[in-house]
Amino acid sequence: MKSHFSIVIWMLAISMLMKMLVFAGGYQFTDYEKIYFFGNLFIIMVGTFLGIRLFKNIHVEKTTFLADVKAGMKVAGMYAVLMSFFVYVYYTYIDVDYFEIKLSRQLELMAESGADKLALNQARKTGGFVLSPYFQSTVTLILYLLFGSFYASIITFFVRKVRNER
């Protein structure tokens, strides 16, 4: 790949394809949905590695640890922002009923476990806030940035260890 942005575009394409396959197959409330989540973590890890590798190939002189981490975070940051936007669009326009169904299932479980009306009302209010496209896209942004920075640090450490750089 020739640029960090091209790496991000490929990461986005694969993530969006996975999400749309889960949606098209009707697997939203099954274990296949977890595959999407863990698949995205793998995509962030691979993209971060590719960003660091590209940075190392471009700069023939010795680079610092921090510069390598920044190169990985550049990819992870762009991916996090664009995926956050995709998550918002997906839950707002594509899978509109997802959060309603999820909230109703949670409330049914609470009612079966013997929760009173006050607890159900509070759960409905809280669930309405937490299970919204805006909140989920914000959580996606924050978590992907955290995972990206963690992966960038760990991958930089191992890449430098393998290359015998200090």
Protein backbone atom coordinates (compact mmCIF):
# COMPACT_ATOMS: atom_id res chain seq x y z
CA MET A 1 0.00 0.00 0.00
CA LYS A 2 1.27 3.40 -0.89
CA SER A 3 -0.19 5.61 1.83
CA HIS A 4 -1.69 5.47 5.28
CA PHE A 5 -5.02 6.56 3.84
CA SER A 6 -5.11 3.61 1.43
CA ILE A 7 -4.60 1.28 4.38
CA VAL A 8 -7.54 2.91 6.16
CA ILE A 9 -9.75 2.61 3.07
CA TRP A 10 -9.07 -1.13 2.87
CA MET A 11 -9.74 -1.50 6.59
CA LEU A 12 -13.05 0.35 6.21
CA ALA A 13 -14.08 -1.71 3.20
CA ILE A 14 -13.52 -4.98 5.05
CA SER A 15 -15.27 -3.76 8.22
CA MET A 16 -18.27 -2.45 6.31
CA LEU A 17 -18.51 -5.66 4.32
CA MET A 18 -18.50 -7.72 7.52
CA LYS A 19 -21.21 -5.54 9.09
CA MET A 20 -23.39 -5.65 6.00
CA LEU A 21 -23.01 -9.45 5.77
CA VAL A 22 -24.20 -9.75 9.37
CA PHE A 23 -27.14 -7.46 8.54
CA ALA A 24 -28.03 -9.16 5.23
CA GLY A 25 -27.88 -12.61 6.80
CA GLY A 26 -30.09 -11.53 9.72
CA TYR A 27 -27.42 -12.46 12.28
CA GLN A 28 -27.69 -9.27 14.35
CA PHE A 29 -28.77 -10.99 17.57
CA THR A 30 -26.67 -14.14 17.29
CA ASP A 31 -23.09 -15.08 18.08
CA TYR A 32 -22.09 -14.03 14.56
CA GLU A 33 -22.37 -10.45 15.73
CA LYS A 34 -19.44 -11.12 18.07
CA ILE A 35 -17.37 -12.20 15.07
CA TYR A 36 -17.87 -8.70 13.67
CA PHE A 37 -16.64 -7.12 16.91
CA PHE A 38 -13.54 -9.29 17.22
CA GLY A 39 -12.95 -9.05 13.47
CA ASN A 40 -12.75 -5.27 13.81
CA LEU A 41 -10.19 -5.58 16.58
CA PHE A 42 -8.12 -7.79 14.29
CA ILE A 43 -8.52 -5.27 11.47
CA ILE A 44 -7.29 -2.45 13.74
CA MET A 45 -4.31 -4.57 14.73
CA VAL A 46 -3.35 -5.44 11.15
CA GLY A 47 -3.90 -1.88 9.92
CA THR A 48 -1.77 -0.47 12.72
CA PHE A 49 1.00 -2.91 11.85
CA LEU A 50 0.78 -1.99 8.17
CA GLY A 51 0.92 1.72 9.04
CA ILE A 52 4.06 1.23 11.13
CA ARG A 53 5.60 -0.95 8.43
CA LEU A 54 4.87 1.67 5.75
CA PHE A 55 6.40 4.37 7.94
CA LYS A 56 9.52 2.28 8.50
CA ASN A 57 9.86 1.60 4.76
CA ILE A 58 9.50 5.29 3.86
CA HIS A 59 12.06 6.45 6.46
CA VAL A 60 15.31 4.65 5.81
CA GLU A 61 17.05 6.39 8.72
CA LYS A 62 16.50 5.13 12.25
CA THR A 63 13.18 6.29 13.74
CA THR A 64 12.23 6.86 17.35
CA PHE A 65 9.79 4.77 19.33
CA LEU A 66 7.36 7.67 19.59
CA ALA A 67 7.47 8.34 15.83
CA ASP A 68 6.65 4.69 15.17
CA VAL A 69 3.73 4.78 17.62
CA LYS A 70 2.43 7.95 15.96
CA ALA A 71 2.55 6.23 12.58
CA GLY A 72 0.41 3.40 13.90
CA MET A 73 -1.95 5.83 15.62
CA LYS A 74 -2.33 7.77 12.39
CA VAL A 75 -3.95 4.75 10.77
CA ALA A 76 -5.94 3.78 13.87
CA GLY A 77 -7.17 7.35 14.37
CA MET A 78 -8.41 7.79 10.81
CA TYR A 79 -10.07 4.37 10.98
CA ALA A 80 -11.73 5.18 14.32
CA VAL A 81 -13.20 8.45 13.07
CA LEU A 82 -14.50 6.97 9.82
CA MET A 83 -15.88 3.85 11.51
CA SER A 84 -17.63 6.03 14.07
CA PHE A 85 -19.31 7.88 11.22
CA PHE A 86 -20.26 4.55 9.59
CA VAL A 87 -21.73 3.23 12.86
CA TYR A 88 -23.88 6.35 13.18
CA VAL A 89 -25.11 6.11 9.58
CA TYR A 90 -25.67 2.35 9.86
CA TYR A 91 -27.87 2.53 12.95
CA THR A 92 -29.66 5.70 11.82
CA TYR A 93 -30.52 4.70 8.25
CA ILE A 94 -29.83 1.00 7.62
CA ASP A 95 -30.68 -1.04 10.73
CA VAL A 96 -33.11 1.38 12.32
CA ASP A 97 -34.95 -1.16 14.52
CA TYR A 98 -31.84 -2.74 16.03
CA PHE A 99 -31.79 -0.75 19.27
CA GLU A 100 -35.57 -0.97 19.78
CA ILE A 101 -35.43 -4.76 19.51
CA LYS A 102 -32.37 -4.96 21.76
CA LEU A 103 -34.00 -2.72 24.41
CA SER A 104 -37.28 -4.64 24.34
CA ARG A 105 -35.41 -7.94 24.79
CA GLN A 106 -33.51 -6.52 27.77
CA LEU A 107 -36.71 -5.23 29.34
CA GLU A 108 -38.38 -8.63 28.84
CA LEU A 109 -35.49 -10.30 30.63
CA MET A 110 -35.77 -7.82 33.49
CA ALA A 111 -39.52 -8.38 33.76
CA GLU A 112 -39.02 -12.16 33.81
CA SER A 113 -36.47 -11.81 36.60
CA GLY A 114 -39.04 -9.99 38.73
CA ALA A 115 -38.05 -6.35 38.35
CA ASP A 116 -40.62 -3.81 39.54
CA LYS A 117 -42.12 -1.04 37.38
CA LEU A 118 -39.80 1.62 38.74
CA ALA A 119 -36.73 -0.42 37.76
CA LEU A 120 -38.22 -1.13 34.32
CA ASN A 121 -38.94 2.57 33.78
CA GLN A 122 -35.40 3.52 34.78
CA ALA A 123 -33.97 0.79 32.52
CA ARG A 124 -36.10 2.05 29.63
CA LYS A 125 -34.77 5.61 30.08
CA THR A 126 -31.17 4.52 30.45
CA GLY A 127 -31.45 2.04 27.59
CA GLY A 128 -32.98 4.68 25.35
CA PHE A 129 -29.93 6.84 25.89
CA VAL A 130 -27.25 4.15 25.73
CA LEU A 131 -28.85 2.28 22.85
CA SER A 132 -28.85 5.16 20.39
CA PRO A 133 -26.81 5.72 17.22
CA TYR A 134 -25.12 8.81 18.63
CA PHE A 135 -24.00 7.13 21.84
CA GLN A 136 -22.84 3.98 20.07
CA SER A 137 -20.83 5.95 17.52
CA THR A 138 -19.17 7.90 20.34
CA VAL A 139 -18.32 4.69 22.20
CA THR A 140 -16.97 3.21 18.96
CA LEU A 141 -14.73 6.23 18.46
CA ILE A 142 -13.32 6.13 21.99
CA LEU A 143 -12.81 2.35 22.09
CA TYR A 144 -11.18 2.18 18.67
CA LEU A 145 -8.82 5.01 19.63
CA LEU A 146 -7.91 3.20 22.85
CA PHE A 147 -7.38 -0.13 21.08
CA GLY A 148 -5.42 1.63 18.33
CA SER A 149 -3.07 3.30 20.78
CA PHE A 150 -2.58 0.04 22.68
CA TYR A 151 -1.89 -1.90 19.49
CA ALA A 152 0.42 0.83 18.16
CA SER A 153 2.49 0.69 21.34
CA ILE A 154 2.69 -3.09 21.51
CA ILE A 155 3.35 -3.57 17.80
CA THR A 156 6.00 -0.83 17.79
CA PHE A 157 7.71 -2.53 20.72
CA PHE A 158 7.79 -5.90 18.94
CA VAL A 159 8.79 -4.45 15.56
CA ARG A 160 11.68 -2.62 17.16
CA LYS A 161 12.63 -5.75 19.12
CA VAL A 162 12.70 -7.89 15.95
CA ARG A 163 14.72 -5.25 14.07
CA ASN A 164 17.14 -4.84 17.02
CA GLU A 165 16.36 -1.13 17.37
CA ARG A 166 16.45 0.61 20.71
